[in-house]
């Protein structure tokens, strides 16, 4: 998911949307990736992308930087268009994927932008529905999955939309909030269940580190050292969590702050967040301290 900085609109006209789709199509030629599903909203975008040899960060960086340059030039403005780092989750299985197909396409309906999905041209819904062709969209894989669930039907996708409860299990991976934002409830975010908006993009890594260290009562020098002290390890994980998920800093940037490898920082954070009960208490406490920095 790509979101506008401070939730600002990233698309203002149909020309903007068409240009973004042109760039999205270009990635399939340039990088060999496949686009399975997409939906352009006013201030955010959802894309289901299958990468080949080129890593996803490079594809998204190329897409967003090119579009941001276009947007700022057309609108005669400066600064960041997109909010921090893109949000990405790995699609784990077929059930997960067809849920994603359904909920991404439901975004405009849930956000009350249209009363009928067939009136919204800025998603892959019209392609799956058989109303429009787009050569760079890969529909065959998802259609093959739907055929496993639905037989003897003229249009499996339409049947899927009409009776989705027959094909999607009760345990859902996704939720669309009242603003039309689709939330992917991965294990870490689901367990923590944050109560404040994840938007403190004005805060530096140093400032967040200072707030976390004060909350845990641990010296920052100890946290940034190679110490395996329990408090220091907990503080590193919390700093990484809030910097990455709330402030939009990349794992690479956070790892540089700690003079560590990105993989090590990420794995340690997820391990502690899933297993440690004390860390949950500090998450709530730090959240309360961060409330005054939240961008509305």
Protein backbone atom coordinates (compact mmCIF):
# COMPACT_ATOMS: atom_id res chain seq x y z
CA UNK A 1 0.00 0.00 0.00
CA UNK A 2 1.16 3.49 -0.90
CA UNK A 3 -0.36 6.39 1.03
CA UNK A 4 -0.17 10.15 0.51
CA UNK A 5 1.98 12.07 2.99
CA UNK A 6 -0.22 13.49 5.77
CA UNK A 7 -3.03 11.60 3.98
CA UNK A 8 -3.01 14.15 1.16
CA UNK A 9 -4.47 13.21 -2.19
CA UNK A 10 -1.99 11.72 -4.63
CA UNK A 11 -4.46 11.81 -7.54
CA UNK A 12 -6.36 14.95 -8.53
CA UNK A 13 -7.48 14.21 -12.08
CA UNK A 14 -8.08 11.25 -14.38
CA UNK A 15 -4.90 12.29 -16.17
CA UNK A 16 -3.00 11.62 -12.92
CA UNK A 17 -4.57 8.19 -12.53
CA UNK A 18 -3.88 7.25 -16.14
CA UNK A 19 -0.25 8.32 -15.79
CA UNK A 20 0.18 6.21 -12.65
CA UNK A 21 -1.32 3.18 -14.42
CA UNK A 22 1.03 3.78 -17.33
CA UNK A 23 3.97 3.66 -14.89
CA UNK A 24 2.54 0.53 -13.27
CA UNK A 25 2.29 -1.14 -16.68
CA UNK A 26 5.87 -0.10 -17.45
CA UNK A 27 7.17 -1.96 -14.38
CA UNK A 28 5.97 -5.27 -15.86
CA UNK A 29 8.10 -4.66 -18.95
CA UNK A 30 11.12 -3.21 -17.19
CA UNK A 31 11.34 -5.48 -14.14
CA UNK A 32 9.46 -8.61 -15.20
CA UNK A 33 7.00 -8.41 -12.27
CA UNK A 34 3.31 -9.28 -12.49
CA UNK A 35 0.42 -7.11 -11.31
CA UNK A 36 -2.49 -9.28 -10.15
CA UNK A 37 -4.79 -6.70 -8.49
CA UNK A 38 -4.79 -2.94 -8.01
CA UNK A 39 -7.03 -0.14 -6.81
CA UNK A 40 -6.34 3.60 -6.99
CA UNK A 41 -8.10 5.65 -4.32
CA UNK A 42 -7.74 9.43 -3.95
CA UNK A 43 -4.98 9.33 -1.34
CA UNK A 44 -3.73 5.74 -1.37
CA UNK A 45 -3.10 2.78 -3.67
CA UNK A 46 -3.27 -0.99 -3.23
CA UNK A 47 -1.26 -3.29 -5.49
CA UNK A 48 -0.88 -7.06 -5.44
CA UNK A 49 2.47 -7.57 -7.12
CA UNK A 50 4.47 -10.71 -7.85
CA UNK A 51 8.18 -10.01 -8.17
CA UNK A 52 10.71 -11.90 -10.27
CA UNK A 53 14.43 -11.18 -10.08
CA UNK A 54 14.15 -7.50 -9.13
CA UNK A 55 13.29 -6.86 -5.44
CA UNK A 56 10.04 -5.09 -4.60
CA UNK A 57 11.74 -2.06 -3.01
CA UNK A 58 13.43 -1.20 -6.30
CA UNK A 59 10.19 -1.50 -8.26
CA UNK A 60 8.23 0.65 -5.81
CA UNK A 61 11.05 3.21 -5.56
CA UNK A 62 11.07 3.61 -9.33
CA UNK A 63 7.27 3.87 -9.46
CA UNK A 64 6.86 6.38 -6.64
CA UNK A 65 9.82 8.62 -7.47
CA UNK A 66 8.77 8.96 -11.12
CA UNK A 67 5.16 9.65 -10.21
CA UNK A 68 6.09 12.10 -7.43
CA UNK A 69 8.29 14.08 -9.85
CA UNK A 70 5.37 14.23 -12.30
CA UNK A 71 2.90 15.24 -9.57
CA UNK A 72 5.10 18.00 -8.13
CA UNK A 73 5.88 19.38 -11.58
CA UNK A 74 2.23 19.46 -12.68
CA UNK A 75 1.04 20.98 -9.40
CA UNK A 76 4.05 23.28 -8.95
CA UNK A 77 4.83 22.01 -5.48
CA UNK A 78 7.73 20.46 -3.57
CA UNK A 79 8.28 17.90 -0.84
CA UNK A 80 7.35 14.29 -0.19
CA UNK A 81 4.20 13.04 -1.89
CA UNK A 82 4.10 9.60 -0.30
CA UNK A 83 4.03 8.88 3.43
CA UNK A 84 7.25 7.22 4.50
CA UNK A 85 7.96 3.71 3.35
CA UNK A 86 5.36 1.68 1.46
CA UNK A 87 3.49 -0.94 3.52
CA UNK A 88 3.96 -4.50 2.29
CA UNK A 89 2.79 -7.94 3.37
CA UNK A 90 3.59 -11.33 1.90
CA UNK A 91 0.56 -13.15 0.46
CA UNK A 92 0.70 -16.43 2.32
CA UNK A 93 -1.71 -18.76 0.49
CA UNK A 94 -4.58 -18.99 -2.00
CA UNK A 95 -7.29 -18.22 0.56
CA UNK A 96 -5.36 -15.12 1.62
CA UNK A 97 -5.10 -14.06 -2.04
CA UNK A 98 -8.81 -14.33 -2.90
CA UNK A 99 -9.66 -12.40 0.27
CA UNK A 100 -7.27 -9.71 -0.91
CA UNK A 101 -8.91 -9.69 -4.36
CA UNK A 102 -12.30 -9.10 -2.76
CA UNK A 103 -11.33 -6.46 -0.21
CA UNK A 104 -9.11 -4.38 -2.48
CA UNK A 105 -11.88 -4.13 -5.05
CA UNK A 106 -14.39 -3.24 -2.30
CA UNK A 107 -12.37 -0.15 -1.29
CA UNK A 108 -14.28 2.44 -3.42
CA UNK A 109 -17.62 0.98 -2.32
CA UNK A 110 -16.70 1.02 1.36
CA UNK A 111 -15.39 4.59 1.07
CA UNK A 112 -18.74 5.57 -0.54
CA UNK A 113 -17.03 6.84 -3.67
CA UNK A 114 -19.51 4.85 -5.78
CA UNK A 115 -22.73 2.92 -5.15
CA UNK A 116 -21.78 0.15 -7.57
CA UNK A 117 -18.31 -1.26 -8.28
CA UNK A 118 -19.08 -1.25 -11.99
CA UNK A 119 -19.07 2.56 -11.86
CA UNK A 120 -15.45 2.68 -10.64
CA UNK A 121 -12.89 2.40 -13.47
CA UNK A 122 -9.70 2.84 -11.39
CA UNK A 123 -9.20 -0.71 -10.17
CA UNK A 124 -8.71 -4.15 -11.70
CA UNK A 125 -12.39 -4.96 -10.99
CA UNK A 126 -13.55 -4.16 -14.57
CA UNK A 127 -10.89 -6.49 -15.97
CA UNK A 128 -11.91 -9.43 -13.77
CA UNK A 129 -15.56 -8.60 -14.42
CA UNK A 130 -15.04 -8.91 -18.17
CA UNK A 131 -15.92 -5.28 -18.93
CA UNK A 132 -12.45 -4.06 -19.88
CA UNK A 133 -9.14 -5.37 -21.18
CA UNK A 134 -5.72 -4.44 -19.82
CA UNK A 135 -2.88 -6.45 -21.28
CA UNK A 136 -0.40 -5.84 -18.47
CA UNK A 137 -2.71 -7.21 -15.73
CA UNK A 138 -2.26 -10.89 -14.89
CA UNK A 139 -5.71 -12.33 -14.16
CA UNK A 140 -5.08 -15.96 -15.06
CA UNK A 141 -3.64 -17.04 -11.71
CA UNK A 142 -6.51 -15.72 -9.59
CA UNK A 143 -9.06 -16.98 -12.11
CA UNK A 144 -7.52 -20.46 -11.85
CA UNK A 145 -7.92 -20.31 -8.06
CA UNK A 146 -11.56 -19.24 -8.34
CA UNK A 147 -12.22 -22.18 -10.65
CA UNK A 148 -11.22 -24.51 -7.83
CA UNK A 149 -14.03 -23.11 -5.70
CA UNK A 150 -16.62 -22.29 -8.37
CA UNK A 151 -17.63 -24.62 -11.21
CA UNK A 152 -20.14 -24.44 -14.06
CA UNK A 153 -20.47 -20.67 -13.98
CA UNK A 154 -20.24 -18.21 -16.86
CA UNK A 155 -18.21 -15.74 -14.80
CA UNK A 156 -16.52 -17.13 -11.70
CA UNK A 157 -15.51 -13.70 -10.48
CA UNK A 158 -19.08 -12.35 -10.54
CA UNK A 159 -20.29 -15.41 -8.67
CA UNK A 160 -17.49 -14.90 -6.16
CA UNK A 161 -18.62 -11.30 -5.49
CA UNK A 162 -22.28 -12.30 -5.19
CA UNK A 163 -21.66 -15.11 -2.71
CA UNK A 164 -18.24 -14.37 -1.26
CA UNK A 165 -19.14 -15.84 2.16
CA UNK A 166 -19.30 -19.28 0.54
CA UNK A 167 -15.70 -19.00 -0.61
CA UNK A 168 -13.98 -16.87 2.05
CA UNK A 169 -13.51 -18.36 5.50
CA UNK A 170 -14.78 -16.59 8.61
CA UNK A 171 -11.21 -15.95 9.80
CA UNK A 172 -10.36 -12.97 7.61
CA UNK A 173 -7.00 -11.34 7.12
CA UNK A 174 -8.36 -7.95 6.11
CA UNK A 175 -10.55 -5.12 7.31
CA UNK A 176 -11.68 -1.89 5.66
CA UNK A 177 -12.18 0.99 8.07
CA UNK A 178 -14.72 3.81 7.78
CA UNK A 179 -12.31 5.93 5.74
CA UNK A 180 -11.90 3.23 3.14
CA UNK A 181 -8.44 2.15 4.29
CA UNK A 182 -7.79 -1.54 3.92
CA UNK A 183 -5.83 -2.90 6.88
CA UNK A 184 -3.86 -6.12 6.62
CA UNK A 185 -4.06 -7.79 10.02
CA UNK A 186 -0.70 -9.52 10.12
CA UNK A 187 0.25 -11.29 13.37
CA UNK A 188 2.38 -8.52 14.83
CA UNK A 189 -0.04 -5.67 14.19
CA UNK A 190 -3.03 -7.78 15.25
CA UNK A 191 -1.45 -8.70 18.60
CA UNK A 192 -0.47 -5.12 19.37
CA UNK A 193 -3.75 -3.60 18.16
CA UNK A 194 -2.55 0.00 18.18
CA UNK A 195 -5.00 2.54 19.54
CA UNK A 196 -3.54 5.68 17.96
CA UNK A 197 -3.10 6.64 14.28
CA UNK A 198 0.17 5.39 12.85
CA UNK A 199 1.37 8.79 11.71
CA UNK A 200 4.29 10.46 13.49
CA UNK A 201 6.34 11.06 10.35
CA UNK A 202 7.77 14.31 11.71
CA UNK A 203 9.78 12.47 14.37
CA UNK A 204 13.40 11.48 13.81
CA UNK A 205 14.81 8.13 14.85
CA UNK A 206 16.82 9.92 17.56
CA UNK A 207 13.71 11.54 19.04
CA UNK A 208 11.78 8.26 19.12
CA UNK A 209 14.80 6.54 20.67
CA UNK A 210 14.91 9.21 23.37
CA UNK A 211 11.21 8.72 24.20
CA UNK A 212 11.53 4.92 24.32
CA UNK A 213 14.68 4.98 26.48
CA UNK A 214 13.05 7.36 28.96
CA UNK A 215 10.03 5.08 29.20
CA UNK A 216 12.10 1.95 29.83
CA UNK A 217 14.66 3.82 31.95
CA UNK A 218 17.69 2.68 30.00
CA UNK A 219 20.66 4.68 28.74
CA UNK A 220 20.69 5.33 24.99
CA UNK A 221 24.42 4.60 24.81
CA UNK A 222 23.75 1.12 26.15
CA UNK A 223 20.95 0.61 23.59
CA UNK A 224 23.15 1.63 20.66
CA UNK A 225 26.04 -0.52 21.89
CA UNK A 226 26.44 -4.26 21.33
CA UNK A 227 25.09 -5.00 24.81
CA UNK A 228 22.67 -7.93 25.22
CA UNK A 229 21.19 -6.37 28.36
CA UNK A 230 17.46 -7.23 28.51
CA UNK A 231 16.31 -3.61 28.72
CA UNK A 232 18.62 -2.60 25.89
CA UNK A 233 17.30 -5.37 23.63
CA UNK A 234 13.70 -4.42 24.44
CA UNK A 235 14.41 -0.76 23.73
CA UNK A 236 15.98 -1.59 20.34
CA UNK A 237 12.89 -3.55 19.33
CA UNK A 238 10.52 -0.80 20.46
CA UNK A 239 12.53 1.91 18.71
CA UNK A 240 12.55 -0.17 15.53
CA UNK A 241 8.82 -0.83 15.80
CA UNK A 242 7.75 2.78 16.33
CA UNK A 243 10.24 4.19 13.81
CA UNK A 244 9.22 1.74 11.11
CA UNK A 245 5.46 1.30 11.57
CA UNK A 246 4.56 4.72 12.96
CA UNK A 247 7.13 7.14 11.51
CA UNK A 248 7.83 5.49 8.17
CA UNK A 249 11.59 5.10 8.54
CA UNK A 250 13.08 2.21 6.60
CA UNK A 251 14.63 -0.79 8.34
CA UNK A 252 17.89 0.12 6.60
CA UNK A 253 17.85 3.61 8.15
CA UNK A 254 17.10 2.21 11.61
CA UNK A 255 19.82 -0.42 11.26
CA UNK A 256 22.31 2.34 10.39
CA UNK A 257 21.29 4.20 13.56
CA UNK A 258 22.13 1.07 15.60
CA UNK A 259 25.19 0.14 13.47
CA UNK A 260 23.62 -3.24 12.79
CA UNK A 261 22.51 -5.32 9.83
CA UNK A 262 18.91 -4.68 8.61
CA UNK A 263 17.95 -8.38 8.73
CA UNK A 264 19.14 -8.66 12.31
CA UNK A 265 17.17 -5.59 13.43
CA UNK A 266 13.98 -6.74 11.74
CA UNK A 267 14.13 -10.34 13.01
CA UNK A 268 14.86 -9.27 16.58
CA UNK A 269 11.97 -6.81 16.59
CA UNK A 270 9.41 -9.34 15.33
CA UNK A 271 10.67 -12.05 17.67
CA UNK A 272 10.31 -9.81 20.74
CA UNK A 273 6.94 -8.37 19.72
CA UNK A 274 5.45 -11.82 19.28
CA UNK A 275 6.90 -13.41 22.40
CA UNK A 276 7.44 -10.80 25.10
CA UNK A 277 4.59 -9.80 27.42
CA UNK A 278 6.47 -6.92 29.16
CA UNK A 279 7.11 -5.24 25.83
CA UNK A 280 3.35 -4.94 25.24
CA UNK A 281 3.04 -2.83 28.40
CA UNK A 282 5.77 -0.49 27.21
CA UNK A 283 4.09 -0.21 23.80
CA UNK A 284 0.98 1.21 25.45
CA UNK A 285 3.06 3.56 27.59
CA UNK A 286 5.14 4.84 24.67
CA UNK A 287 1.97 5.24 22.57
CA UNK A 288 0.57 7.59 25.19
CA UNK A 289 3.76 9.67 25.10
CA UNK A 290 3.64 9.82 21.30
CA UNK A 291 0.04 11.04 21.14
CA UNK A 292 1.09 14.67 21.26
CA UNK A 293 3.21 14.15 18.13
CA UNK A 294 0.50 12.45 16.06
CA UNK A 295 -0.34 14.20 12.79
CA UNK A 296 -4.07 14.51 12.27
